[in-house]
Amino acid sequence: MTYLLNILYLGLGASALCFVTWNLAVKVLGAVKTSVYIYMVPVITVVTSVLLKEPVTWVSVMGTVLAVAGLFLSEYNGKGSGNSE
C-alpha cells in the first residue's frame, strides 16, 4: 500500500501538477521567458534540502549562486546603460 501511495503521489503531484503549472506559466509568460526559469530547479532543490535539514556543501552554495547570477544576467536588458535596443 505504501508503494502504491508513493507512485500515486509521484504521478499526480510531481508529474501532472507540475506539467499543468508549467503549461500555465508558458501561457502567461511565453515560452522563451518561461524556459529561463528552468534553471531555478537546482536552487529550489537546495532550499528544499535545507528545510529537510540536509547538509549544505560549498558546491551546492556555489551552484546556487551561479544559477541565480545566470538568471539575473539573462533577464538583464541593459536599462540605464544608454543602450537603446
PDB file of N, CA and C in Angstrom:
ATOM      1  N   MET A   1       0.821  -1.197   0.000  1.00  0.00           N
ATOM      2  CA  MET A   1       0.000   0.000   0.000  1.00  0.00           C
ATOM      3  C   MET A   1       0.869   1.266   0.000  1.00  0.00           C
ATOM      4  N   THR A   2       1.963   1.232   0.736  1.00  0.00           N
ATOM      5  CA  THR A   2       2.857   2.394   0.781  1.00  0.00           C
ATOM      6  C   THR A   2       3.430   2.695  -0.594  1.00  0.00           C
ATOM      7  N   TYR A   3       3.833   1.650  -1.304  1.00  0.00           N
ATOM      8  CA  TYR A   3       4.396   1.843  -2.640  1.00  0.00           C
ATOM      9  C   TYR A   3       3.355   2.411  -3.601  1.00  0.00           C
ATOM     10  N   LEU A   4       2.151   1.941  -3.493  1.00  0.00           N
ATOM     11  CA  LEU A   4       1.076   2.438  -4.349  1.00  0.00           C
ATOM     12  C   LEU A   4       0.815   3.917  -4.089  1.00  0.00           C
ATOM     13  N   LEU A   5       0.785   4.311  -2.828  1.00  0.00           N
ATOM     14  CA  LEU A   5       0.578   5.716  -2.487  1.00  0.00           C
ATOM     15  C   LEU A   5       1.738   6.582  -2.965  1.00  0.00           C
ATOM     16  N   ASN A   6       2.952   6.079  -2.866  1.00  0.00           N
ATOM     17  CA  ASN A   6       4.115   6.819  -3.370  1.00  0.00           C
ATOM     18  C   ASN A   6       4.043   7.014  -4.879  1.00  0.00           C
ATOM     19  N   ILE A   7       3.649   5.979  -5.581  1.00  0.00           N
ATOM     20  CA  ILE A   7       3.529   6.076  -7.037  1.00  0.00           C
ATOM     21  C   ILE A   7       2.415   7.047  -7.422  1.00  0.00           C
ATOM     22  N   LEU A   8       1.301   6.991  -6.718  1.00  0.00           N
ATOM     23  CA  LEU A   8       0.214   7.937  -6.984  1.00  0.00           C
ATOM     24  C   LEU A   8       0.650   9.369  -6.710  1.00  0.00           C
ATOM     25  N   TYR A   9       1.385   9.583  -5.621  1.00  0.00           N
ATOM     26  CA  TYR A   9       1.881  10.920  -5.301  1.00  0.00           C
ATOM     27  C   TYR A   9       2.802  11.427  -6.398  1.00  0.00           C
ATOM     28  N   LEU A  10       3.734  10.583  -6.822  1.00  0.00           N
ATOM     29  CA  LEU A  10       4.653  10.984  -7.876  1.00  0.00           C
ATOM     30  C   LEU A  10       3.931  11.208  -9.198  1.00  0.00           C
ATOM     31  N   GLY A  11       2.959  10.375  -9.484  1.00  0.00           N
ATOM     32  CA  GLY A  11       2.227  10.505 -10.745  1.00  0.00           C
ATOM     33  C   GLY A  11       1.322  11.713 -10.781  1.00  0.00           C
ATOM     34  N   LEU A  12       0.602  11.943  -9.698  1.00  0.00           N
ATOM     35  CA  LEU A  12      -0.328  13.069  -9.665  1.00  0.00           C
ATOM     36  C   LEU A  12       0.342  14.359  -9.232  1.00  0.00           C
ATOM     37  N   GLY A  13       1.131  14.301  -8.189  1.00  0.00           N
ATOM     38  CA  GLY A  13       1.737  15.516  -7.651  1.00  0.00           C
ATOM     39  C   GLY A  13       2.898  16.006  -8.476  1.00  0.00           C
ATOM     40  N   ALA A  14       3.914  15.188  -8.558  1.00  0.00           N
ATOM     41  CA  ALA A  14       5.146  15.627  -9.202  1.00  0.00           C
ATOM     42  C   ALA A  14       5.024  15.715 -10.718  1.00  0.00           C
ATOM     43  N   SER A  15       4.262  14.869 -11.323  1.00  0.00           N
ATOM     44  CA  SER A  15       4.186  14.873 -12.788  1.00  0.00           C
ATOM     45  C   SER A  15       3.029  15.704 -13.307  1.00  0.00           C
ATOM     46  N   ALA A  16       1.821  15.343 -12.956  1.00  0.00           N
ATOM     47  CA  ALA A  16       0.640  16.007 -13.519  1.00  0.00           C
ATOM     48  C   ALA A  16       0.538  17.467 -13.084  1.00  0.00           C
ATOM     49  N   LEU A  17       0.692  17.725 -11.790  1.00  0.00           N
ATOM     50  CA  LEU A  17       0.566  19.090 -11.295  1.00  0.00           C
ATOM     51  C   LEU A  17       1.668  19.982 -11.854  1.00  0.00           C
ATOM     52  N   CYS A  18       2.883  19.465 -11.904  1.00  0.00           N
ATOM     53  CA  CYS A  18       3.989  20.247 -12.458  1.00  0.00           C
ATOM     54  C   CYS A  18       3.796  20.518 -13.946  1.00  0.00           C
ATOM     55  N   PHE A  19       3.299  19.548 -14.683  1.00  0.00           N
ATOM     56  CA  PHE A  19       3.049  19.728 -16.106  1.00  0.00           C
ATOM     57  C   PHE A  19       2.004  20.823 -16.340  1.00  0.00           C
ATOM     58  N   VAL A  20       0.918  20.789 -15.572  1.00  0.00           N
ATOM     59  CA  VAL A  20      -0.136  21.797 -15.707  1.00  0.00           C
ATOM     60  C   VAL A  20       0.393  23.180 -15.320  1.00  0.00           C
ATOM     61  N   THR A  21       1.157  23.247 -14.233  1.00  0.00           N
ATOM     62  CA  THR A  21       1.716  24.522 -13.790  1.00  0.00           C
ATOM     63  C   THR A  21       2.685  25.087 -14.822  1.00  0.00           C
ATOM     64  N   TRP A  22       3.519  24.238 -15.388  1.00  0.00           N
ATOM     65  CA  TRP A  22       4.475  24.688 -16.408  1.00  0.00           C
ATOM     66  C   TRP A  22       3.735  25.224 -17.631  1.00  0.00           C
ATOM     67  N   ASN A  23       2.703  24.529 -18.067  1.00  0.00           N
ATOM     68  CA  ASN A  23       1.946  24.987 -19.229  1.00  0.00           C
ATOM     69  C   ASN A  23       1.232  26.305 -18.949  1.00  0.00           C
ATOM     70  N   LEU A  24       0.747  26.492 -17.739  1.00  0.00           N
ATOM     71  CA  LEU A  24       0.136  27.771 -17.365  1.00  0.00           C
ATOM     72  C   LEU A  24       1.174  28.888 -17.405  1.00  0.00           C
ATOM     73  N   ALA A  25       2.377  28.613 -16.910  1.00  0.00           N
ATOM     74  CA  ALA A  25       3.446  29.612 -16.954  1.00  0.00           C
ATOM     75  C   ALA A  25       3.815  29.962 -18.388  1.00  0.00           C
ATOM     76  N   VAL A  26       3.864  28.968 -19.268  1.00  0.00           N
ATOM     77  CA  VAL A  26       4.156  29.233 -20.683  1.00  0.00           C
ATOM     78  C   VAL A  26       3.067  30.100 -21.291  1.00  0.00           C
ATOM     79  N   LYS A  27       1.826  29.844 -20.932  1.00  0.00           N
ATOM     80  CA  LYS A  27       0.711  30.626 -21.454  1.00  0.00           C
ATOM     81  C   LYS A  27       0.799  32.073 -20.985  1.00  0.00           C
ATOM     82  N   VAL A  28       1.147  32.282 -19.725  1.00  0.00           N
ATOM     83  CA  VAL A  28       1.189  33.634 -19.165  1.00  0.00           C
ATOM     84  C   VAL A  28       2.449  34.390 -19.586  1.00  0.00           C
ATOM     85  N   LEU A  29       3.624  33.747 -19.472  1.00  0.00           N
ATOM     86  CA  LEU A  29       4.891  34.432 -19.716  1.00  0.00           C
ATOM     87  C   LEU A  29       5.425  34.273 -21.131  1.00  0.00           C
ATOM     88  N   GLY A  30       5.042  33.211 -21.789  1.00  0.00           N
ATOM     89  CA  GLY A  30       5.614  32.899 -23.092  1.00  0.00           C
ATOM     90  C   GLY A  30       6.692  31.838 -22.943  1.00  0.00           C
ATOM     91  N   ALA A  31       6.979  31.153 -24.021  1.00  0.00           N
ATOM     92  CA  ALA A  31       7.902  30.009 -23.973  1.00  0.00           C
ATOM     93  C   ALA A  31       9.332  30.420 -23.664  1.00  0.00           C
ATOM     94  N   VAL A  32       9.806  31.505 -24.256  1.00  0.00           N
ATOM     95  CA  VAL A  32      11.201  31.901 -24.072  1.00  0.00           C
ATOM     96  C   VAL A  32      11.449  32.335 -22.636  1.00  0.00           C
ATOM     97  N   LYS A  33      10.607  33.186 -22.116  1.00  0.00           N
ATOM     98  CA  LYS A  33      10.773  33.682 -20.753  1.00  0.00           C
ATOM     99  C   LYS A  33      10.606  32.556 -19.733  1.00  0.00           C
ATOM    100  N   THR A  34       9.691  31.644 -19.973  1.00  0.00           N
ATOM    101  CA  THR A  34       9.489  30.536 -19.046  1.00  0.00           C
ATOM    102  C   THR A  34      10.673  29.586 -19.058  1.00  0.00           C
ATOM    103  N   SER A  35      11.271  29.371 -20.214  1.00  0.00           N
ATOM    104  CA  SER A  35      12.390  28.432 -20.287  1.00  0.00           C
ATOM    105  C   SER A  35      13.589  28.895 -19.483  1.00  0.00           C
ATOM    106  N   VAL A  36      13.718  30.200 -19.267  1.00  0.00           N
ATOM    107  CA  VAL A  36      14.817  30.714 -18.455  1.00  0.00           C
ATOM    108  C   VAL A  36      14.694  30.223 -17.015  1.00  0.00           C
ATOM    109  N   TYR A  37      13.471  30.107 -16.521  1.00  0.00           N
ATOM    110  CA  TYR A  37      13.256  29.753 -15.126  1.00  0.00           C
ATOM    111  C   TYR A  37      13.450  28.268 -14.836  1.00  0.00           C
ATOM    112  N   ILE A  38      13.708  27.457 -15.839  1.00  0.00           N
ATOM    113  CA  ILE A  38      14.004  26.052 -15.588  1.00  0.00           C
ATOM    114  C   ILE A  38      15.308  25.928 -14.814  1.00  0.00           C
ATOM    115  N   TYR A  39      16.154  26.952 -14.919  1.00  0.00           N
ATOM    116  CA  TYR A  39      17.425  26.932 -14.208  1.00  0.00           C
ATOM    117  C   TYR A  39      17.264  27.201 -12.718  1.00  0.00           C
ATOM    118  N   MET A  40      16.050  27.501 -12.265  1.00  0.00           N
ATOM    119  CA  MET A  40      15.795  27.676 -10.835  1.00  0.00           C
ATOM    120  C   MET A  40      15.527  26.338 -10.139  1.00  0.00           C
ATOM    121  N   VAL A  41      15.393  25.267 -10.878  1.00  0.00           N
ATOM    122  CA  VAL A  41      15.123  23.955 -10.278  1.00  0.00           C
ATOM    123  C   VAL A  41      16.213  23.556  -9.283  1.00  0.00           C
ATOM    124  N   PRO A  42      17.514  23.697  -9.609  1.00  0.00           N
ATOM    125  CA  PRO A  42      18.523  23.347  -8.604  1.00  0.00           C
ATOM    126  C   PRO A  42      18.471  24.244  -7.365  1.00  0.00           C
ATOM    127  N   VAL A  43      18.137  25.504  -7.546  1.00  0.00           N
ATOM    128  CA  VAL A  43      18.036  26.428  -6.415  1.00  0.00           C
ATOM    129  C   VAL A  43      16.900  25.994  -5.489  1.00  0.00           C
ATOM    130  N   ILE A  44      15.773  25.657  -6.060  1.00  0.00           N
ATOM    131  CA  ILE A  44      14.633  25.192  -5.265  1.00  0.00           C
ATOM    132  C   ILE A  44      14.981  23.887  -4.567  1.00  0.00           C
ATOM    133  N   THR A  45      15.754  23.040  -5.227  1.00  0.00           N
ATOM    134  CA  THR A  45      16.181  21.784  -4.618  1.00  0.00           C
ATOM    135  C   THR A  45      17.064  22.036  -3.401  1.00  0.00           C
ATOM    136  N   VAL A  46      17.985  22.972  -3.497  1.00  0.00           N
ATOM    137  CA  VAL A  46      18.861  23.289  -2.363  1.00  0.00           C
ATOM    138  C   VAL A  46      18.056  23.879  -1.215  1.00  0.00           C
ATOM    139  N   VAL A  47      17.134  24.784  -1.518  1.00  0.00           N
ATOM    140  CA  VAL A  47      16.297  25.384  -0.476  1.00  0.00           C
ATOM    141  C   VAL A  47      15.455  24.305   0.211  1.00  0.00           C
ATOM    142  N   THR A  48      14.897  23.413  -0.571  1.00  0.00           N
ATOM    143  CA  THR A  48      14.101  22.325  -0.005  1.00  0.00           C
ATOM    144  C   THR A  48      14.960  21.407   0.856  1.00  0.00           C
ATOM    145  N   SER A  49      16.173  21.140   0.428  1.00  0.00           N
ATOM    146  CA  SER A  49      17.051  20.283   1.226  1.00  0.00           C
ATOM    147  C   SER A  49      17.420  20.947   2.552  1.00  0.00           C
ATOM    148  N   VAL A  50      17.534  22.279   2.558  1.00  0.00           N
ATOM    149  CA  VAL A  50      17.781  22.986   3.817  1.00  0.00           C
ATOM    150  C   VAL A  50      16.594  22.818   4.748  1.00  0.00           C
ATOM    151  N   LEU A  51      15.388  22.931   4.209  1.00  0.00           N
ATOM    152  CA  LEU A  51      14.187  22.756   5.020  1.00  0.00           C
ATOM    153  C   LEU A  51      14.083  21.345   5.585  1.00  0.00           C
ATOM    154  N   LEU A  52      14.637  20.380   4.854  1.00  0.00           N
ATOM    155  CA  LEU A  52      14.628  18.986   5.313  1.00  0.00           C
ATOM    156  C   LEU A  52      15.853  18.633   6.155  1.00  0.00           C
ATOM    157  N   LYS A  53      16.620  19.678   6.499  1.00  0.00           N
ATOM    158  CA  LYS A  53      17.810  19.529   7.356  1.00  0.00           C
ATOM    159  C   LYS A  53      18.892  18.640   6.747  1.00  0.00           C
ATOM    160  N   GLU A  54      19.054  18.727   5.438  1.00  0.00           N
ATOM    161  CA  GLU A  54      20.145  18.047   4.757  1.00  0.00           C
ATOM    162  C   GLU A  54      21.393  18.927   4.838  1.00  0.00           C
ATOM    163  N   PRO A  55      22.567  18.351   4.816  1.00  0.00           N
ATOM    164  CA  PRO A  55      23.787  19.176   4.861  1.00  0.00           C
ATOM    165  C   PRO A  55      23.963  19.970   3.564  1.00  0.00           C
ATOM    166  N   VAL A  56      24.386  21.212   3.706  1.00  0.00           N
ATOM    167  CA  VAL A  56      24.628  22.077   2.549  1.00  0.00           C
ATOM    168  C   VAL A  56      26.134  22.184   2.359  1.00  0.00           C
ATOM    169  N   THR A  57      26.610  21.836   1.184  1.00  0.00           N
ATOM    170  CA  THR A  57      28.038  21.887   0.895  1.00  0.00           C
ATOM    171  C   THR A  57      28.378  23.175   0.162  1.00  0.00           C
ATOM    172  N   TRP A  58      29.644  23.469   0.083  1.00  0.00           N
ATOM    173  CA  TRP A  58      30.067  24.679  -0.619  1.00  0.00           C
ATOM    174  C   TRP A  58      29.782  24.559  -2.117  1.00  0.00           C
ATOM    175  N   VAL A  59      29.776  23.335  -2.623  1.00  0.00           N
ATOM    176  CA  VAL A  59      29.475  23.127  -4.047  1.00  0.00           C
ATOM    177  C   VAL A  59      28.013  23.496  -4.329  1.00  0.00           C
ATOM    178  N   SER A  60      27.100  23.103  -3.452  1.00  0.00           N
ATOM    179  CA  SER A  60      25.695  23.449  -3.670  1.00  0.00           C
ATOM    180  C   SER A  60      25.463  24.946  -3.513  1.00  0.00           C
ATOM    181  N   VAL A  61      26.187  25.578  -2.586  1.00  0.00           N
ATOM    182  CA  VAL A  61      26.068  27.034  -2.417  1.00  0.00           C
ATOM    183  C   VAL A  61      26.587  27.754  -3.661  1.00  0.00           C
ATOM    184  N   MET A  62      27.742  27.323  -4.167  1.00  0.00           N
ATOM    185  CA  MET A  62      28.295  27.963  -5.377  1.00  0.00           C
ATOM    186  C   MET A  62      27.399  27.707  -6.589  1.00  0.00           C
ATOM    187  N   GLY A  63      26.851  26.519  -6.690  1.00  0.00           N
ATOM    188  CA  GLY A  63      25.937  26.228  -7.792  1.00  0.00           C
ATOM    189  C   GLY A  63      24.688  27.100  -7.731  1.00  0.00           C
ATOM    190  N   THR A  64      24.179  27.305  -6.512  1.00  0.00           N
ATOM    191  CA  THR A  64      23.011  28.161  -6.331  1.00  0.00           C
ATOM    192  C   THR A  64      23.328  29.593  -6.718  1.00  0.00           C
ATOM    193  N   VAL A  65      24.472  30.090  -6.277  1.00  0.00           N
ATOM    194  CA  VAL A  65      24.882  31.461  -6.614  1.00  0.00           C
ATOM    195  C   VAL A  65      25.039  31.615  -8.123  1.00  0.00           C
ATOM    196  N   LEU A  66      25.674  30.648  -8.758  1.00  0.00           N
ATOM    197  CA  LEU A  66      25.868  30.728 -10.213  1.00  0.00           C
ATOM    198  C   LEU A  66      24.545  30.651 -10.974  1.00  0.00           C
ATOM    199  N   ALA A  67      23.635  29.804 -10.511  1.00  0.00           N
ATOM    200  CA  ALA A  67      22.334  29.684 -11.182  1.00  0.00           C
ATOM    201  C   ALA A  67      21.541  30.988 -11.066  1.00  0.00           C
ATOM    202  N   VAL A  68      21.528  31.577  -9.882  1.00  0.00           N
ATOM    203  CA  VAL A  68      20.791  32.838  -9.690  1.00  0.00           C
ATOM    204  C   VAL A  68      21.472  33.969 -10.471  1.00  0.00           C
ATOM    205  N   ALA A  69      22.806  34.013 -10.461  1.00  0.00           N
ATOM    206  CA  ALA A  69      23.527  35.039 -11.223  1.00  0.00           C
ATOM    207  C   ALA A  69      23.242  34.899 -12.717  1.00  0.00           C
ATOM    208  N   GLY A  70      23.231  33.681 -13.213  1.00  0.00           N
ATOM    209  CA  GLY A  70      22.914  33.458 -14.626  1.00  0.00           C
ATOM    210  C   GLY A  70      21.504  33.877 -14.974  1.00  0.00           C
ATOM    211  N   LEU A  71      20.573  33.631 -14.061  1.00  0.00           N
ATOM    212  CA  LEU A  71      19.191  34.051 -14.294  1.00  0.00           C
ATOM    213  C   LEU A  71      19.095  35.565 -14.376  1.00  0.00           C
ATOM    214  N   PHE A  72      19.750  36.257 -13.441  1.00  0.00           N
ATOM    215  CA  PHE A  72      19.725  37.715 -13.472  1.00  0.00           C
ATOM    216  C   PHE A  72      20.406  38.262 -14.722  1.00  0.00           C
ATOM    217  N   LEU A  73      21.525  37.674 -15.108  1.00  0.00           N
ATOM    218  CA  LEU A  73      22.212  38.130 -16.315  1.00  0.00           C
ATOM    219  C   LEU A  73      21.364  37.920 -17.565  1.00  0.00           C
ATOM    220  N   SER A  74      20.657  36.805 -17.615  1.00  0.00           N
ATOM    221  CA  SER A  74      19.843  36.541 -18.802  1.00  0.00           C
ATOM    222  C   SER A  74      18.621  37.446 -18.871  1.00  0.00           C
ATOM    223  N   GLU A  75      18.157  37.919 -17.714  1.00  0.00           N
ATOM    224  CA  GLU A  75      16.987  38.790 -17.684  1.00  0.00           C
ATOM    225  C   GLU A  75      17.348  40.269 -17.765  1.00  0.00           C
ATOM    226  N   TYR A  76      18.612  40.601 -17.578  1.00  0.00           N
ATOM    227  CA  TYR A  76      19.048  41.993 -17.622  1.00  0.00           C
ATOM    228  C   TYR A  76      18.945  42.501 -19.048  1.00  0.00           C
ATOM    229  N   ASN A  77      18.274  43.644 -19.204  1.00  0.00           N
ATOM    230  CA  ASN A  77      18.076  44.155 -20.565  1.00  0.00           C
ATOM    231  C   ASN A  77      18.848  45.429 -20.843  1.00  0.00           C
ATOM    232  N   GLY A  78      19.736  45.837 -19.956  1.00  0.00           N
ATOM    233  CA  GLY A  78      20.592  46.984 -20.228  1.00  0.00           C
ATOM    234  C   GLY A  78      19.965  48.329 -19.975  1.00  0.00           C
ATOM    235  N   LYS A  79      18.840  48.385 -19.275  1.00  0.00           N
ATOM    236  CA  LYS A  79      18.237  49.680 -18.968  1.00  0.00           C
ATOM    237  C   LYS A  79      19.184  50.471 -18.078  1.00  0.00           C
ATOM    238  N   GLY A  80      19.334  51.738 -18.404  1.00  0.00           N
ATOM    239  CA  GLY A  80      20.186  52.599 -17.629  1.00  0.00           C
ATOM    240  C   GLY A  80      21.622  52.619 -18.117  1.00  0.00           C
ATOM    241  N   SER A  81      21.965  51.787 -19.078  1.00  0.00           N
ATOM    242  CA  SER A  81      23.333  51.774 -19.582  1.00  0.00           C
ATOM    243  C   SER A  81      23.483  52.562 -20.872  1.00  0.00           C
ATOM    244  N   GLY A  82      22.405  53.199 -21.312  1.00  0.00           N
ATOM    245  CA  GLY A  82      22.477  54.010 -22.520  1.00  0.00           C
ATOM    246  C   GLY A  82      22.168  53.246 -23.784  1.00  0.00           C
ATOM    247  N   ASN A  83      21.949  51.969 -23.714  1.00  0.00           N
ATOM    248  CA  ASN A  83      21.622  51.170 -24.895  1.00  0.00           C
ATOM    249  C   ASN A  83      20.166  51.398 -25.267  1.00  0.00           C
ATOM    250  N   SER A  84      19.897  51.508 -26.541  1.00  0.00           N
ATOM    251  CA  SER A  84      18.501  51.699 -26.982  1.00  0.00           C
ATOM    252  C   SER A  84      18.034  50.511 -27.794  1.00  0.00           C
ATOM    253  N   GLU A  85      18.336  49.308 -27.347  1.00  0.00           N
ATOM    254  CA  GLU A  85      17.942  48.105 -28.068  1.00  0.00           C
ATOM    255  C   GLU A  85      16.559  47.697 -27.717  1.00  0.00           C
TER     256      GLU A  85
END
